[in-house]
Protein backbone atom coordinates (compact mmCIF):
# COMPACT_ATOMS: atom_id res chain seq x y z
CA MET A 1 -1.62 5.22 31.42
CA PRO A 2 -2.72 6.12 27.50
CA ARG A 3 -5.79 4.74 26.66
CA PRO A 4 -5.08 2.22 23.20
CA PHE A 5 -7.18 3.78 19.89
CA SER A 6 -10.62 2.63 19.15
CA PRO A 7 -10.80 1.06 15.54
CA LEU A 8 -12.37 4.64 14.50
CA GLN A 9 -9.30 6.28 16.00
CA ALA A 10 -6.87 3.98 14.75
CA LEU A 11 -8.48 4.67 11.24
CA CYS A 12 -8.00 8.48 11.48
CA LYS A 13 -4.23 7.95 13.03
CA ILE A 14 -3.25 5.28 10.26
CA THR A 15 0.12 6.34 10.28
CA LEU A 16 0.54 5.78 13.97
CA LEU A 17 0.02 1.67 13.01
CA ASN A 18 2.71 2.02 10.70
CA PRO A 19 4.30 -0.62 9.67
CA VAL A 20 2.03 -3.37 9.85
CA TRP A 21 3.47 -6.96 9.61
CA VAL A 22 1.61 -9.01 7.17
CA HIS A 23 1.37 -12.94 5.75
CA SER A 24 1.09 -13.37 2.27
CA LYS A 25 -1.98 -15.76 2.01
CA ASN A 26 -0.58 -17.38 -0.84
CA SER A 27 2.86 -17.96 0.27
CA GLY A 28 2.51 -17.59 3.77
CA LYS A 29 5.77 -15.41 3.93
CA PRO A 30 5.65 -12.42 6.03
CA PHE A 31 6.28 -8.69 5.37
CA TYR A 32 5.67 -5.36 6.44
CA ALA A 33 3.08 -3.06 4.84
CA ILE A 34 2.86 0.79 4.98
CA LEU A 35 -0.91 1.66 5.17
CA HIS A 36 -2.47 5.00 3.71
CA ARG A 37 -5.80 6.15 3.59
CA ILE A 38 -7.23 7.32 0.54
CA ASP A 39 -10.28 9.12 0.23
CA SER A 40 -11.41 8.13 -3.15
CA GLN A 41 -12.80 4.71 -3.69
CA LYS A 42 -12.50 5.22 -7.42
CA LEU A 43 -8.69 6.15 -7.61
CA VAL A 44 -8.33 2.94 -5.63
CA VAL A 45 -10.44 0.97 -8.13
CA GLN A 46 -8.70 2.43 -11.09
CA ALA A 47 -5.29 1.32 -9.65
CA ILE A 48 -6.23 -2.21 -9.11
CA SER A 49 -7.65 -2.46 -12.62
CA ASN A 50 -4.28 -1.45 -13.93
CA LEU A 51 -2.51 -3.60 -12.11
CA GLN A 52 -4.92 -6.41 -13.23
CA ALA A 53 -4.51 -5.55 -16.61
CA LEU A 54 -1.03 -6.18 -16.87
CA PRO A 55 0.36 -9.18 -18.96
CA GLY A 56 1.89 -11.67 -16.56
CA GLY A 57 5.37 -12.82 -16.33
CA ASP A 58 6.75 -9.14 -16.29
CA ILE A 59 8.13 -8.50 -12.98
CA LYS A 60 9.79 -5.41 -13.88
CA LEU A 61 6.52 -4.08 -15.69
CA LEU A 62 4.85 -4.65 -12.33
CA CYS A 63 7.30 -3.25 -9.76
CA ASP A 64 7.05 -0.15 -12.21
CA THR A 65 3.49 -0.15 -12.40
CA VAL A 66 2.92 -0.29 -8.36
CA VAL A 67 5.94 2.65 -7.85
CA GLN A 68 4.06 4.78 -10.68
CA ILE A 69 0.70 4.05 -8.96
CA VAL A 70 1.96 4.64 -4.95
CA ARG A 71 3.65 8.15 -6.33
CA GLU A 72 0.26 8.96 -7.89
CA LEU A 73 -2.34 8.14 -5.00
CA THR A 74 0.13 9.10 -1.97
CA GLY A 75 2.44 11.56 -3.28
CA TYR A 76 5.12 9.41 -1.65
CA ASP A 77 7.89 8.08 -3.97
CA PRO A 78 9.45 4.77 -2.56
CA VAL A 79 12.45 4.69 -5.18
CA GLU A 80 13.48 8.44 -4.10
CA ASP A 81 13.04 8.03 -0.85
CA GLY A 82 15.05 4.42 -0.37
CA GLY A 83 12.23 1.91 -0.43
CA GLY A 84 12.94 0.45 -4.33
């Protein structure tokens, strides 16, 4: 019988954990999330900063920006791959 991954091994093989079932803190609604490891904290900080700088109330702008950020950080295109 295979041993379960340690937390450190799981971080190294994060794709084995995907998708992850998550509950929103605000709404309590569950959804699936895909985890992706990024080695540069600076890229993540910039992405979060870009999202926080968006004007409120424009869901299309938010979605377009998230797709662009995911594409830049991971090389994965959620729209072309059927996710959007």
